[in-house]
Amino acid sequence: MSTEQSKAIAPRYIEEIWTDGKLDAADEIINEDFIFHGPIREVDGLEVFKQFVAAIH
């Protein structure tokens, strides 16, 4: 992935997934083997990440 592609995805990750809770955006921009390293816990895998975001919202 190029730097420009990463720059385009970062705002979507923050705005659509975390701010708006649009989990369908996660399917578009995150790989199945994604690992989220958060301050509270680590979340392993896209589906578990989506459950984690949904629980926060």
C-alpha atoms as a PDB file:
ATOM      1  CA  MET A   1       0.000   0.000   0.000  1.00  0.00           C
ATOM      2  CA  SER A   2       1.352   3.388  -0.935  1.00  0.00           C
ATOM      3  CA  THR A   3       1.631   6.353   1.396  1.00  0.00           C
ATOM      4  CA  GLU A   4      -1.140   8.115  -0.509  1.00  0.00           C
ATOM      5  CA  GLN A   5      -3.451   5.130  -0.109  1.00  0.00           C
ATOM      6  CA  SER A   6      -2.731   5.049   3.625  1.00  0.00           C
ATOM      7  CA  LYS A   7      -3.472   8.753   3.906  1.00  0.00           C
ATOM      8  CA  ALA A   8      -6.837   8.219   2.216  1.00  0.00           C
ATOM      9  CA  ILE A   9      -7.789   5.326   4.496  1.00  0.00           C
ATOM     10  CA  ALA A  10      -6.806   6.890   7.836  1.00  0.00           C
ATOM     11  CA  PRO A  11      -9.609   9.501   7.934  1.00  0.00           C
ATOM     12  CA  ARG A  12     -12.186   6.865   6.975  1.00  0.00           C
ATOM     13  CA  TYR A  13     -10.951   4.597   9.773  1.00  0.00           C
ATOM     14  CA  ILE A  14     -11.370   7.337  12.348  1.00  0.00           C
ATOM     15  CA  GLU A  15     -14.484   9.081  11.079  1.00  0.00           C
ATOM     16  CA  GLU A  16     -16.574   6.256   9.666  1.00  0.00           C
ATOM     17  CA  ILE A  17     -15.685   3.428  12.025  1.00  0.00           C
ATOM     18  CA  TRP A  18     -14.898   5.089  15.358  1.00  0.00           C
ATOM     19  CA  THR A  19     -16.932   8.304  15.154  1.00  0.00           C
ATOM     20  CA  ASP A  20     -19.970   7.098  13.196  1.00  0.00           C
ATOM     21  CA  GLY A  21     -19.887   3.386  14.060  1.00  0.00           C
ATOM     22  CA  LYS A  22     -20.213   2.349  10.408  1.00  0.00           C
ATOM     23  CA  LEU A  23     -18.990  -1.218  10.610  1.00  0.00           C
ATOM     24  CA  ASP A  24     -19.453  -1.805   6.877  1.00  0.00           C
ATOM     25  CA  ALA A  25     -16.531   0.580   6.344  1.00  0.00           C
ATOM     26  CA  ALA A  26     -14.365  -1.817   8.350  1.00  0.00           C
ATOM     27  CA  ASP A  27     -15.104  -4.551   5.805  1.00  0.00           C
ATOM     28  CA  GLU A  28     -13.875  -2.258   3.045  1.00  0.00           C
ATOM     29  CA  ILE A  29     -10.641  -0.970   4.574  1.00  0.00           C
ATOM     30  CA  ILE A  30      -9.443  -3.524   7.157  1.00  0.00           C
ATOM     31  CA  ASN A  31      -7.890  -6.955   6.521  1.00  0.00           C
ATOM     32  CA  GLU A  32      -9.267 -10.101   8.178  1.00  0.00           C
ATOM     33  CA  ASP A  33      -6.058 -10.524  10.206  1.00  0.00           C
ATOM     34  CA  PHE A  34      -6.178  -6.976  11.624  1.00  0.00           C
ATOM     35  CA  ILE A  35      -4.976  -6.564  15.217  1.00  0.00           C
ATOM     36  CA  PHE A  36      -6.106  -3.519  17.177  1.00  0.00           C
ATOM     37  CA  HIS A  37      -3.705  -2.526  19.957  1.00  0.00           C
ATOM     38  CA  GLY A  38      -5.809  -0.308  22.201  1.00  0.00           C
ATOM     39  CA  PRO A  39      -5.147   1.227  25.588  1.00  0.00           C
ATOM     40  CA  ILE A  40      -7.616  -1.122  27.264  1.00  0.00           C
ATOM     41  CA  ARG A  41      -7.078  -4.357  25.369  1.00  0.00           C
ATOM     42  CA  GLU A  42      -5.839  -6.003  22.198  1.00  0.00           C
ATOM     43  CA  VAL A  43      -8.438  -7.163  19.688  1.00  0.00           C
ATOM     44  CA  ASP A  44      -7.439  -9.862  17.206  1.00  0.00           C
ATOM     45  CA  GLY A  45      -9.323 -10.198  13.899  1.00  0.00           C
ATOM     46  CA  LEU A  46     -11.759  -8.102  11.892  1.00  0.00           C
ATOM     47  CA  GLU A  47     -14.974  -9.654  13.226  1.00  0.00           C
ATOM     48  CA  VAL A  48     -13.880  -9.317  16.860  1.00  0.00           C
ATOM     49  CA  PHE A  49     -12.820  -5.728  16.149  1.00  0.00           C
ATOM     50  CA  LYS A  50     -16.264  -4.944  14.734  1.00  0.00           C
ATOM     51  CA  GLN A  51     -17.892  -6.438  17.845  1.00  0.00           C
ATOM     52  CA  PHE A  52     -15.584  -4.311  20.007  1.00  0.00           C
ATOM     53  CA  VAL A  53     -16.510  -1.105  18.138  1.00  0.00           C
ATOM     54  CA  ALA A  54     -20.218  -1.983  18.289  1.00  0.00           C
ATOM     55  CA  ALA A  55     -19.985  -2.520  22.053  1.00  0.00           C
ATOM     56  CA  ILE A  56     -18.386   0.890  22.491  1.00  0.00           C
ATOM     57  CA  HIS A  57     -21.119   2.558  20.451  1.00  0.00           C
END
